[in-house]
Amino acid sequence: MADELWREEREFWLGGVAETARKIDPACVMVFANTGILDRSGVIAALQSVPRWQEITMTDRATVETDEVCLLAYRATLRRAGADAFRALCTTTWIRRAGDWRIIQHQQTPL
C-alpha cells in the first residue's frame, strides 16, 4: 500500500490541477508557510494560479500506516522552469474513503 501512495504523492506534486483535485478529500486541510491554512477549495484555487512543479525528489522518507490511514513524511526538493529549487519538510495523510485513497492533510515546512 505504501508504495502505491508514494507514487500518488509524486503525482500530487507533478500532476495537473484536475488530477490533483481528485485526490483531495472534501475535509482536507493543508498548511503552507506563505498562504496559511487552506481548505480543499482554497488549495484548488491556489493550484490554478501557479505553474505546476516539473521535478520532485523525496528523501528521508518515513511511513506510518493502518488499513484506513497512511501518513507520509519526507524531505522534498522541487523544481519548476525558471525558478530556484524549493526545499521543504512535508507530511501528507492519506485516508481510504469507499476504497479510494484521498489526501486529508498536507503540511510543508520550508527549509
PDB file of N, CA and C in Angstrom:
ATOM      1  N   MET A   1       0.818  -1.181   0.000  1.00  0.00           N
ATOM      2  CA  MET A   1       0.000   0.000   0.000  1.00  0.00           C
ATOM      3  C   MET A   1       0.870   1.256   0.000  1.00  0.00           C
ATOM      4  N   ALA A   2       1.897   1.290   0.812  1.00  0.00           N
ATOM      5  CA  ALA A   2       2.726   2.493   0.918  1.00  0.00           C
ATOM      6  C   ALA A   2       3.393   2.821  -0.418  1.00  0.00           C
ATOM      7  N   ASP A   3       3.852   1.816  -1.160  1.00  0.00           N
ATOM      8  CA  ASP A   3       4.482   2.087  -2.460  1.00  0.00           C
ATOM      9  C   ASP A   3       3.501   2.791  -3.399  1.00  0.00           C
ATOM     10  N   GLU A   4       2.260   2.326  -3.405  1.00  0.00           N
ATOM     11  CA  GLU A   4       1.218   2.951  -4.234  1.00  0.00           C
ATOM     12  C   GLU A   4       1.021   4.418  -3.831  1.00  0.00           C
ATOM     13  N   LEU A   5       1.003   4.680  -2.534  1.00  0.00           N
ATOM     14  CA  LEU A   5       0.779   6.049  -2.074  1.00  0.00           C
ATOM     15  C   LEU A   5       1.984   6.951  -2.310  1.00  0.00           C
ATOM     16  N   TRP A   6       3.187   6.399  -2.292  1.00  0.00           N
ATOM     17  CA  TRP A   6       4.349   7.224  -2.654  1.00  0.00           C
ATOM     18  C   TRP A   6       4.245   7.652  -4.119  1.00  0.00           C
ATOM     19  N   ARG A   7       3.758   6.763  -4.991  1.00  0.00           N
ATOM     20  CA  ARG A   7       3.539   7.135  -6.398  1.00  0.00           C
ATOM     21  C   ARG A   7       2.453   8.208  -6.500  1.00  0.00           C
ATOM     22  N   GLU A   8       1.377   8.036  -5.733  1.00  0.00           N
ATOM     23  CA  GLU A   8       0.299   9.033  -5.717  1.00  0.00           C
ATOM     24  C   GLU A   8       0.804  10.381  -5.204  1.00  0.00           C
ATOM     25  N   GLU A   9       1.677  10.345  -4.202  1.00  0.00           N
ATOM     26  CA  GLU A   9       2.247  11.576  -3.643  1.00  0.00           C
ATOM     27  C   GLU A   9       3.053  12.322  -4.699  1.00  0.00           C
ATOM     28  N   ARG A  10       3.815  11.578  -5.453  1.00  0.00           N
ATOM     29  CA  ARG A  10       4.595  12.188  -6.534  1.00  0.00           C
ATOM     30  C   ARG A  10       3.662  12.874  -7.533  1.00  0.00           C
ATOM     31  N   GLU A  11       2.585  12.197  -7.899  1.00  0.00           N
ATOM     32  CA  GLU A  11       1.624  12.762  -8.843  1.00  0.00           C
ATOM     33  C   GLU A  11       0.872  13.951  -8.253  1.00  0.00           C
ATOM     34  N   PHE A  12       0.694  13.956  -6.930  1.00  0.00           N
ATOM     35  CA  PHE A  12       0.081  15.099  -6.250  1.00  0.00           C
ATOM     36  C   PHE A  12       0.869  16.370  -6.561  1.00  0.00           C
ATOM     37  N   TRP A  13       2.182  16.276  -6.574  1.00  0.00           N
ATOM     38  CA  TRP A  13       3.047  17.428  -6.858  1.00  0.00           C
ATOM     39  C   TRP A  13       3.128  17.754  -8.345  1.00  0.00           C
ATOM     40  N   LEU A  14       3.201  16.722  -9.186  1.00  0.00           N
ATOM     41  CA  LEU A  14       3.531  16.921 -10.597  1.00  0.00           C
ATOM     42  C   LEU A  14       2.336  16.897 -11.545  1.00  0.00           C
ATOM     43  N   GLY A  15       1.216  16.336 -11.105  1.00  0.00           N
ATOM     44  CA  GLY A  15       0.064  16.184 -11.981  1.00  0.00           C
ATOM     45  C   GLY A  15      -0.670  17.486 -12.237  1.00  0.00           C
ATOM     46  N   GLY A  16      -1.615  17.421 -13.142  1.00  0.00           N
ATOM     47  CA  GLY A  16      -2.440  18.580 -13.449  1.00  0.00           C
ATOM     48  C   GLY A  16      -3.377  18.919 -12.298  1.00  0.00           C
ATOM     49  N   VAL A  17      -3.946  20.100 -12.356  1.00  0.00           N
ATOM     50  CA  VAL A  17      -4.826  20.563 -11.275  1.00  0.00           C
ATOM     51  C   VAL A  17      -6.036  19.645 -11.119  1.00  0.00           C
ATOM     52  N   ALA A  18      -6.643  19.229 -12.222  1.00  0.00           N
ATOM     53  CA  ALA A  18      -7.832  18.368 -12.139  1.00  0.00           C
ATOM     54  C   ALA A  18      -7.497  17.039 -11.458  1.00  0.00           C
ATOM     55  N   GLU A  19      -6.373  16.456 -11.818  1.00  0.00           N
ATOM     56  CA  GLU A  19      -5.957  15.180 -11.201  1.00  0.00           C
ATOM     57  C   GLU A  19      -5.647  15.376  -9.723  1.00  0.00           C
ATOM     58  N   THR A  20      -4.968  16.458  -9.406  1.00  0.00           N
ATOM     59  CA  THR A  20      -4.653  16.738  -8.008  1.00  0.00           C
ATOM     60  C   THR A  20      -5.927  16.967  -7.209  1.00  0.00           C
ATOM     61  N   ALA A  21      -6.866  17.718  -7.755  1.00  0.00           N
ATOM     62  CA  ALA A  21      -8.136  17.987  -7.062  1.00  0.00           C
ATOM     63  C   ALA A  21      -8.883  16.690  -6.776  1.00  0.00           C
ATOM     64  N   ARG A  22      -8.807  15.735  -7.681  1.00  0.00           N
ATOM     65  CA  ARG A  22      -9.479  14.447  -7.489  1.00  0.00           C
ATOM     66  C   ARG A  22      -8.952  13.723  -6.256  1.00  0.00           C
ATOM     67  N   LYS A  23      -7.697  13.944  -5.912  1.00  0.00           N
ATOM     68  CA  LYS A  23      -7.067  13.245  -4.792  1.00  0.00           C
ATOM     69  C   LYS A  23      -7.366  13.896  -3.439  1.00  0.00           C
ATOM     70  N   ILE A  24      -7.905  15.116  -3.434  1.00  0.00           N
ATOM     71  CA  ILE A  24      -8.078  15.859  -2.186  1.00  0.00           C
ATOM     72  C   ILE A  24      -9.454  15.586  -1.598  1.00  0.00           C
ATOM     73  N   ASP A  25      -9.485  15.088  -0.369  1.00  0.00           N
ATOM     74  CA  ASP A  25     -10.726  14.788   0.338  1.00  0.00           C
ATOM     75  C   ASP A  25     -11.493  16.082   0.625  1.00  0.00           C
ATOM     76  N   PRO A  26     -12.820  16.057   0.627  1.00  0.00           N
ATOM     77  CA  PRO A  26     -13.595  17.262   0.959  1.00  0.00           C
ATOM     78  C   PRO A  26     -13.259  17.858   2.331  1.00  0.00           C
ATOM     79  N   ALA A  27     -12.812  17.037   3.271  1.00  0.00           N
ATOM     80  CA  ALA A  27     -12.488  17.515   4.621  1.00  0.00           C
ATOM     81  C   ALA A  27     -11.027  17.920   4.782  1.00  0.00           C
ATOM     82  N   CYS A  28     -10.290  17.980   3.684  1.00  0.00           N
ATOM     83  CA  CYS A  28      -8.845  18.222   3.735  1.00  0.00           C
ATOM     84  C   CYS A  28      -8.486  19.605   4.274  1.00  0.00           C
ATOM     85  N   VAL A  29      -7.356  19.634   5.000  1.00  0.00           N
ATOM     86  CA  VAL A  29      -6.738  20.876   5.461  1.00  0.00           C
ATOM     87  C   VAL A  29      -5.262  20.803   5.075  1.00  0.00           C
ATOM     88  N   MET A  30      -4.763  21.892   4.480  1.00  0.00           N
ATOM     89  CA  MET A  30      -3.351  21.980   4.125  1.00  0.00           C
ATOM     90  C   MET A  30      -2.759  23.231   4.747  1.00  0.00           C
ATOM     91  N   VAL A  31      -1.465  23.142   5.134  1.00  0.00           N
ATOM     92  CA  VAL A  31      -0.785  24.245   5.809  1.00  0.00           C
ATOM     93  C   VAL A  31       0.476  24.599   5.022  1.00  0.00           C
ATOM     94  N   PHE A  32       0.554  25.880   4.637  1.00  0.00           N
ATOM     95  CA  PHE A  32       1.686  26.385   3.863  1.00  0.00           C
ATOM     96  C   PHE A  32       2.233  27.634   4.542  1.00  0.00           C
ATOM     97  N   ALA A  33       3.539  27.808   4.510  1.00  0.00           N
ATOM     98  CA  ALA A  33       4.169  28.957   5.167  1.00  0.00           C
ATOM     99  C   ALA A  33       3.690  30.284   4.578  1.00  0.00           C
ATOM    100  N   ASN A  34       3.526  30.357   3.268  1.00  0.00           N
ATOM    101  CA  ASN A  34       3.181  31.625   2.620  1.00  0.00           C
ATOM    102  C   ASN A  34       1.693  31.915   2.564  1.00  0.00           C
ATOM    103  N   THR A  35       0.865  30.875   2.475  1.00  0.00           N
ATOM    104  CA  THR A  35      -0.572  31.096   2.300  1.00  0.00           C
ATOM    105  C   THR A  35      -1.398  30.725   3.522  1.00  0.00           C
ATOM    106  N   GLY A  36      -0.798  30.065   4.499  1.00  0.00           N
ATOM    107  CA  GLY A  36      -1.514  29.723   5.726  1.00  0.00           C
ATOM    108  C   GLY A  36      -2.277  28.419   5.625  1.00  0.00           C
ATOM    109  N   ILE A  37      -3.400  28.371   6.314  1.00  0.00           N
ATOM    110  CA  ILE A  37      -4.224  27.168   6.401  1.00  0.00           C
ATOM    111  C   ILE A  37      -5.315  27.256   5.339  1.00  0.00           C
ATOM    112  N   LEU A  38      -5.375  26.233   4.483  1.00  0.00           N
ATOM    113  CA  LEU A  38      -6.341  26.226   3.383  1.00  0.00           C
ATOM    114  C   LEU A  38      -7.214  24.983   3.437  1.00  0.00           C
ATOM    115  N   ASP A  39      -8.492  25.162   3.113  1.00  0.00           N
ATOM    116  CA  ASP A  39      -9.368  24.013   2.938  1.00  0.00           C
ATOM    117  C   ASP A  39      -9.272  23.555   1.479  1.00  0.00           C
ATOM    118  N   ARG A  40     -10.067  22.571   1.117  1.00  0.00           N
ATOM    119  CA  ARG A  40      -9.982  21.990  -0.227  1.00  0.00           C
ATOM    120  C   ARG A  40     -10.158  23.048  -1.313  1.00  0.00           C
ATOM    121  N   SER A  41     -11.178  23.881  -1.202  1.00  0.00           N
ATOM    122  CA  SER A  41     -11.423  24.876  -2.249  1.00  0.00           C
ATOM    123  C   SER A  41     -10.292  25.899  -2.319  1.00  0.00           C
ATOM    124  N   GLY A  42      -9.714  26.263  -1.184  1.00  0.00           N
ATOM    125  CA  GLY A  42      -8.582  27.186  -1.179  1.00  0.00           C
ATOM    126  C   GLY A  42      -7.356  26.592  -1.838  1.00  0.00           C
ATOM    127  N   VAL A  43      -7.131  25.307  -1.610  1.00  0.00           N
ATOM    128  CA  VAL A  43      -5.992  24.626  -2.240  1.00  0.00           C
ATOM    129  C   VAL A  43      -6.169  24.596  -3.753  1.00  0.00           C
ATOM    130  N   ILE A  44      -7.358  24.230  -4.210  1.00  0.00           N
ATOM    131  CA  ILE A  44      -7.596  24.141  -5.657  1.00  0.00           C
ATOM    132  C   ILE A  44      -7.441  25.514  -6.301  1.00  0.00           C
ATOM    133  N   ALA A  45      -7.955  26.560  -5.666  1.00  0.00           N
ATOM    134  CA  ALA A  45      -7.800  27.918  -6.199  1.00  0.00           C
ATOM    135  C   ALA A  45      -6.327  28.301  -6.274  1.00  0.00           C
ATOM    136  N   ALA A  46      -5.557  27.972  -5.238  1.00  0.00           N
ATOM    137  CA  ALA A  46      -4.128  28.296  -5.228  1.00  0.00           C
ATOM    138  C   ALA A  46      -3.391  27.537  -6.333  1.00  0.00           C
ATOM    139  N   LEU A  47      -3.741  26.277  -6.548  1.00  0.00           N
ATOM    140  CA  LEU A  47      -3.092  25.483  -7.589  1.00  0.00           C
ATOM    141  C   LEU A  47      -3.332  26.064  -8.977  1.00  0.00           C
ATOM    142  N   GLN A  48      -4.485  26.656  -9.191  1.00  0.00           N
ATOM    143  CA  GLN A  48      -4.818  27.206 -10.501  1.00  0.00           C
ATOM    144  C   GLN A  48      -4.040  28.482 -10.812  1.00  0.00           C
ATOM    145  N   SER A  49      -3.444  29.090  -9.792  1.00  0.00           N
ATOM    146  CA  SER A  49      -2.770  30.370 -10.014  1.00  0.00           C
ATOM    147  C   SER A  49      -1.244  30.263 -10.076  1.00  0.00           C
ATOM    148  N   VAL A  50      -0.697  29.052  -9.966  1.00  0.00           N
ATOM    149  CA  VAL A  50       0.756  28.886 -10.027  1.00  0.00           C
ATOM    150  C   VAL A  50       1.104  27.761 -11.000  1.00  0.00           C
ATOM    151  N   PRO A  51       2.291  27.834 -11.627  1.00  0.00           N
ATOM    152  CA  PRO A  51       2.703  26.724 -12.500  1.00  0.00           C
ATOM    153  C   PRO A  51       2.974  25.463 -11.672  1.00  0.00           C
ATOM    154  N   ARG A  52       2.670  24.317 -12.253  1.00  0.00           N
ATOM    155  CA  ARG A  52       2.907  23.044 -11.569  1.00  0.00           C
ATOM    156  C   ARG A  52       4.401  22.753 -11.533  1.00  0.00           C
ATOM    157  N   TRP A  53       4.789  21.940 -10.570  1.00  0.00           N
ATOM    158  CA  TRP A  53       6.187  21.527 -10.443  1.00  0.00           C
ATOM    159  C   TRP A  53       6.532  20.581 -11.575  1.00  0.00           C
ATOM    160  N   GLN A  54       7.794  20.596 -11.996  1.00  0.00           N
ATOM    161  CA  GLN A  54       8.252  19.730 -13.076  1.00  0.00           C
ATOM    162  C   GLN A  54       9.068  18.549 -12.581  1.00  0.00           C
ATOM    163  N   GLU A  55       9.610  18.677 -11.386  1.00  0.00           N
ATOM    164  CA  GLU A  55      10.502  17.629 -10.872  1.00  0.00           C
ATOM    165  C   GLU A  55      10.424  17.630  -9.344  1.00  0.00           C
ATOM    166  N   ILE A  56      10.439  16.437  -8.754  1.00  0.00           N
ATOM    167  CA  ILE A  56      10.489  16.315  -7.297  1.00  0.00           C
ATOM    168  C   ILE A  56      11.421  15.176  -6.919  1.00  0.00           C
ATOM    169  N   THR A  57      12.176  15.400  -5.848  1.00  0.00           N
ATOM    170  CA  THR A  57      12.957  14.349  -5.212  1.00  0.00           C
ATOM    171  C   THR A  57      12.476  14.266  -3.771  1.00  0.00           C
ATOM    172  N   MET A  58      12.108  13.068  -3.336  1.00  0.00           N
ATOM    173  CA  MET A  58      11.649  12.846  -1.968  1.00  0.00           C
ATOM    174  C   MET A  58      12.651  11.942  -1.259  1.00  0.00           C
ATOM    175  N   THR A  59      13.273  12.452  -0.203  1.00  0.00           N
ATOM    176  CA  THR A  59      14.263  11.684   0.555  1.00  0.00           C
ATOM    177  C   THR A  59      13.842  11.635   2.020  1.00  0.00           C
ATOM    178  N   ASP A  60      14.625  10.906   2.819  1.00  0.00           N
ATOM    179  CA  ASP A  60      14.355  10.760   4.255  1.00  0.00           C
ATOM    180  C   ASP A  60      12.905  10.356   4.493  1.00  0.00           C
ATOM    181  N   ARG A  61      12.416   9.434   3.708  1.00  0.00           N
ATOM    182  CA  ARG A  61      11.014   9.012   3.755  1.00  0.00           C
ATOM    183  C   ARG A  61      10.697   8.232   5.032  1.00  0.00           C
ATOM    184  N   ALA A  62       9.538   8.520   5.577  1.00  0.00           N
ATOM    185  CA  ALA A  62       9.004   7.763   6.715  1.00  0.00           C
ATOM    186  C   ALA A  62       7.522   7.511   6.436  1.00  0.00           C
ATOM    187  N   THR A  63       7.049   6.346   6.843  1.00  0.00           N
ATOM    188  CA  THR A  63       5.661   5.960   6.603  1.00  0.00           C
ATOM    189  C   THR A  63       5.062   5.374   7.872  1.00  0.00           C
ATOM    190  N   VAL A  64       3.834   5.783   8.177  1.00  0.00           N
ATOM    191  CA  VAL A  64       3.042   5.166   9.241  1.00  0.00           C
ATOM    192  C   VAL A  64       1.726   4.782   8.592  1.00  0.00           C
ATOM    193  N   GLU A  65       1.349   3.505   8.688  1.00  0.00           N
ATOM    194  CA  GLU A  65       0.133   3.099   8.000  1.00  0.00           C
ATOM    195  C   GLU A  65      -0.726   2.144   8.817  1.00  0.00           C
ATOM    196  N   THR A  66      -2.029   2.291   8.610  1.00  0.00           N
ATOM    197  CA  THR A  66      -3.025   1.351   9.117  1.00  0.00           C
ATOM    198  C   THR A  66      -3.846   0.926   7.903  1.00  0.00           C
ATOM    199  N   ASP A  67      -4.910   0.192   8.127  1.00  0.00           N
ATOM    200  CA  ASP A  67      -5.747  -0.224   6.998  1.00  0.00           C
ATOM    201  C   ASP A  67      -6.442   0.956   6.320  1.00  0.00           C
ATOM    202  N   GLU A  68      -6.731   2.009   7.077  1.00  0.00           N
ATOM    203  CA  GLU A  68      -7.526   3.117   6.547  1.00  0.00           C
ATOM    204  C   GLU A  68      -6.790   4.446   6.452  1.00  0.00           C
ATOM    205  N   VAL A  69      -5.596   4.545   7.043  1.00  0.00           N
ATOM    206  CA  VAL A  69      -4.850   5.806   7.069  1.00  0.00           C
ATOM    207  C   VAL A  69      -3.386   5.527   6.786  1.00  0.00           C
ATOM    208  N   CYS A  70      -2.755   6.420   6.018  1.00  0.00           N
ATOM    209  CA  CYS A  70      -1.323   6.309   5.773  1.00  0.00           C
ATOM    210  C   CYS A  70      -0.714   7.704   5.824  1.00  0.00           C
ATOM    211  N   LEU A  71       0.274   7.889   6.671  1.00  0.00           N
ATOM    212  CA  LEU A  71       0.981   9.160   6.790  1.00  0.00           C
ATOM    213  C   LEU A  71       2.338   9.021   6.110  1.00  0.00           C
ATOM    214  N   LEU A  72       2.640   9.959   5.218  1.00  0.00           N
ATOM    215  CA  LEU A  72       3.932  10.015   4.552  1.00  0.00           C
ATOM    216  C   LEU A  72       4.662  11.255   5.040  1.00  0.00           C
ATOM    217  N   ALA A  73       5.901  11.106   5.434  1.00  0.00           N
ATOM    218  CA  ALA A  73       6.738  12.236   5.845  1.00  0.00           C
ATOM    219  C   ALA A  73       8.033  12.152   5.050  1.00  0.00           C
ATOM    220  N   TYR A  74       8.519  13.324   4.603  1.00  0.00           N
ATOM    221  CA  TYR A  74       9.698  13.298   3.734  1.00  0.00           C
ATOM    222  C   TYR A  74      10.296  14.687   3.585  1.00  0.00           C
ATOM    223  N   ARG A  75      11.498  14.704   3.044  1.00  0.00           N
ATOM    224  CA  ARG A  75      12.190  15.936   2.656  1.00  0.00           C
ATOM    225  C   ARG A  75      12.019  16.052   1.140  1.00  0.00           C
ATOM    226  N   ALA A  76      11.459  17.184   0.689  1.00  0.00           N
ATOM    227  CA  ALA A  76      11.187  17.382  -0.736  1.00  0.00           C
ATOM    228  C   ALA A  76      12.112  18.449  -1.317  1.00  0.00           C
ATOM    229  N   THR A  77      12.600  18.176  -2.519  1.00  0.00           N
ATOM    230  CA  THR A  77      13.288  19.174  -3.328  1.00  0.00           C
ATOM    231  C   THR A  77      12.532  19.233  -4.640  1.00  0.00           C
ATOM    232  N   LEU A  78      12.003  20.417  -4.956  1.00  0.00           N
ATOM    233  CA  LEU A  78      11.163  20.585  -6.142  1.00  0.00           C
ATOM    234  C   LEU A  78      11.731  21.640  -7.065  1.00  0.00           C
ATOM    235  N   ARG A  79      11.440  21.459  -8.366  1.00  0.00           N
ATOM    236  CA  ARG A  79      11.905  22.417  -9.360  1.00  0.00           C
ATOM    237  C   ARG A  79      10.801  22.682 -10.367  1.00  0.00           C
ATOM    238  N   ARG A  80      10.741  23.954 -10.798  1.00  0.00           N
ATOM    239  CA  ARG A  80       9.902  24.342 -11.933  1.00  0.00           C
ATOM    240  C   ARG A  80      10.732  25.256 -12.825  1.00  0.00           C
ATOM    241  N   ALA A  81      10.348  25.378 -14.066  1.00  0.00           N
ATOM    242  CA  ALA A  81      11.127  26.136 -15.049  1.00  0.00           C
ATOM    243  C   ALA A  81      11.368  27.568 -14.587  1.00  0.00           C
ATOM    244  N   GLY A  82      12.630  27.991 -14.698  1.00  0.00           N
ATOM    245  CA  GLY A  82      12.986  29.364 -14.426  1.00  0.00           C
ATOM    246  C   GLY A  82      12.959  29.790 -12.973  1.00  0.00           C
ATOM    247  N   ALA A  83      12.907  28.848 -12.049  1.00  0.00           N
ATOM    248  CA  ALA A  83      12.835  29.198 -10.622  1.00  0.00           C
ATOM    249  C   ALA A  83      13.881  28.418  -9.837  1.00  0.00           C
ATOM    250  N   ASP A  84      14.258  28.974  -8.696  1.00  0.00           N
ATOM    251  CA  ASP A  84      15.160  28.261  -7.792  1.00  0.00           C
ATOM    252  C   ASP A  84      14.458  27.032  -7.224  1.00  0.00           C
ATOM    253  N   ALA A  85      15.237  26.066  -6.790  1.00  0.00           N
ATOM    254  CA  ALA A  85      14.674  24.867  -6.166  1.00  0.00           C
ATOM    255  C   ALA A  85      13.954  25.254  -4.877  1.00  0.00           C
ATOM    256  N   PHE A  86      12.864  24.561  -4.590  1.00  0.00           N
ATOM    257  CA  PHE A  86      12.123  24.724  -3.345  1.00  0.00           C
ATOM    258  C   PHE A  86      12.390  23.480  -2.517  1.00  0.00           C
ATOM    259  N   ARG A  87      12.774  23.691  -1.249  1.00  0.00           N
ATOM    260  CA  ARG A  87      13.060  22.570  -0.345  1.00  0.00           C
ATOM    261  C   ARG A  87      12.179  22.697   0.880  1.00  0.00           C
ATOM    262  N   ALA A  88      11.600  21.562   1.298  1.00  0.00           N
ATOM    263  CA  ALA A  88      10.707  21.584   2.453  1.00  0.00           C
ATOM    264  C   ALA A  88      10.651  20.211   3.100  1.00  0.00           C
ATOM    265  N   LEU A  89      10.296  20.218   4.395  1.00  0.00           N
ATOM    266  CA  LEU A  89       9.888  19.005   5.081  1.00  0.00           C
ATOM    267  C   LEU A  89       8.376  18.930   4.932  1.00  0.00           C
ATOM    268  N   CYS A  90       7.870  17.758   4.555  1.00  0.00           N
ATOM    269  CA  CYS A  90       6.444  17.628   4.257  1.00  0.00           C
ATOM    270  C   CYS A  90       5.832  16.426   4.963  1.00  0.00           C
ATOM    271  N   THR A  91       4.564  16.547   5.262  1.00  0.00           N
ATOM    272  CA  THR A  91       3.760  15.399   5.672  1.00  0.00           C
ATOM    273  C   THR A  91       2.470  15.434   4.873  1.00  0.00           C
ATOM    274  N   THR A  92       2.012  14.262   4.499  1.00  0.00           N
ATOM    275  CA  THR A  92       0.714  14.109   3.856  1.00  0.00           C
ATOM    276  C   THR A  92       0.039  12.910   4.503  1.00  0.00           C
ATOM    277  N   THR A  93      -1.214  13.092   4.875  1.00  0.00           N
ATOM    278  CA  THR A  93      -2.000  11.997   5.431  1.00  0.00           C
ATOM    279  C   THR A  93      -3.064  11.609   4.411  1.00  0.00           C
ATOM    280  N   TRP A  94      -3.044  10.345   4.046  1.00  0.00           N
ATOM    281  CA  TRP A  94      -3.999   9.772   3.108  1.00  0.00           C
ATOM    282  C   TRP A  94      -5.007   8.939   3.889  1.00  0.00           C
ATOM    283  N   ILE A  95      -6.279   9.025   3.503  1.00  0.00           N
ATOM    284  CA  ILE A  95      -7.334   8.253   4.152  1.00  0.00           C
ATOM    285  C   ILE A  95      -8.092   7.475   3.078  1.00  0.00           C
ATOM    286  N   ARG A  96      -8.490   6.255   3.441  1.00  0.00           N
ATOM    287  CA  ARG A  96      -9.249   5.437   2.487  1.00  0.00           C
ATOM    288  C   ARG A  96     -10.729   5.775   2.641  1.00  0.00           C
ATOM    289  N   ARG A  97     -11.335   6.212   1.548  1.00  0.00           N
ATOM    290  CA  ARG A  97     -12.757   6.550   1.507  1.00  0.00           C
ATOM    291  C   ARG A  97     -13.403   5.711   0.410  1.00  0.00           C
ATOM    292  N   ALA A  98     -14.294   4.827   0.790  1.00  0.00           N
ATOM    293  CA  ALA A  98     -15.004   3.965  -0.168  1.00  0.00           C
ATOM    294  C   ALA A  98     -14.033   3.278  -1.123  1.00  0.00           C
ATOM    295  N   GLY A  99     -12.899   2.815  -0.588  1.00  0.00           N
ATOM    296  CA  GLY A  99     -11.915   2.077  -1.366  1.00  0.00           C
ATOM    297  C   GLY A  99     -10.881   2.919  -2.083  1.00  0.00           C
ATOM    298  N   ASP A 100     -11.079   4.235  -2.138  1.00  0.00           N
ATOM    299  CA  ASP A 100     -10.121   5.123  -2.806  1.00  0.00           C
ATOM    300  C   ASP A 100      -9.308   5.891  -1.772  1.00  0.00           C
ATOM    301  N   TRP A 101      -8.054   6.163  -2.086  1.00  0.00           N
ATOM    302  CA  TRP A 101      -7.202   6.956  -1.210  1.00  0.00           C
ATOM    303  C   TRP A 101      -7.337   8.434  -1.539  1.00  0.00           C
ATOM    304  N   ARG A 102      -7.531   9.244  -0.501  1.00  0.00           N
ATOM    305  CA  ARG A 102      -7.682  10.691  -0.637  1.00  0.00           C
ATOM    306  C   ARG A 102      -6.781  11.393   0.377  1.00  0.00           C
ATOM    307  N   ILE A 103      -6.298  12.566   0.010  1.00  0.00           N
ATOM    308  CA  ILE A 103      -5.477  13.363   0.928  1.00  0.00           C
ATOM    309  C   ILE A 103      -6.403  14.092   1.891  1.00  0.00           C
ATOM    310  N   ILE A 104      -6.161  13.906   3.185  1.00  0.00           N
ATOM    311  CA  ILE A 104      -6.950  14.607   4.197  1.00  0.00           C
ATOM    312  C   ILE A 104      -6.124  15.678   4.915  1.00  0.00           C
ATOM    313  N   GLN A 105      -4.794  15.604   4.765  1.00  0.00           N
ATOM    314  CA  GLN A 105      -3.910  16.577   5.409  1.00  0.00           C
ATOM    315  C   GLN A 105      -2.611  16.658   4.636  1.00  0.00           C
ATOM    316  N   HIS A 106      -2.101  17.887   4.484  1.00  0.00           N
ATOM    317  CA  HIS A 106      -0.768  18.084   3.912  1.00  0.00           C
ATOM    318  C   HIS A 106      -0.177  19.308   4.576  1.00  0.00           C
ATOM    319  N   GLN A 107       1.116  19.256   4.869  1.00  0.00           N
ATOM    320  CA  GLN A 107       1.805  20.358   5.542  1.00  0.00           C
ATOM    321  C   GLN A 107       3.200  20.466   4.982  1.00  0.00           C
ATOM    322  N   GLN A 108       3.685  21.723   4.844  1.00  0.00           N
ATOM    323  CA  GLN A 108       5.033  21.971   4.356  1.00  0.00           C
ATOM    324  C   GLN A 108       5.761  22.918   5.299  1.00  0.00           C
ATOM    325  N   THR A 109       6.993  22.558   5.628  1.00  0.00           N
ATOM    326  CA  THR A 109       7.874  23.445   6.386  1.00  0.00           C
ATOM    327  C   THR A 109       9.069  23.759   5.492  1.00  0.00           C
ATOM    328  N   PRO A 110       9.120  24.965   4.923  1.00  0.00           N
ATOM    329  CA  PRO A 110      10.250  25.313   4.033  1.00  0.00           C
ATOM    330  C   PRO A 110      11.579  25.229   4.753  1.00  0.00           C
ATOM    331  N   LEU A 111      12.588  24.795   4.034  1.00  0.00           N
ATOM    332  CA  LEU A 111      13.950  24.714   4.569  1.00  0.00           C
ATOM    333  C   LEU A 111      14.794  25.832   3.995  1.00  0.00           C
TER     334      LEU A 111
END
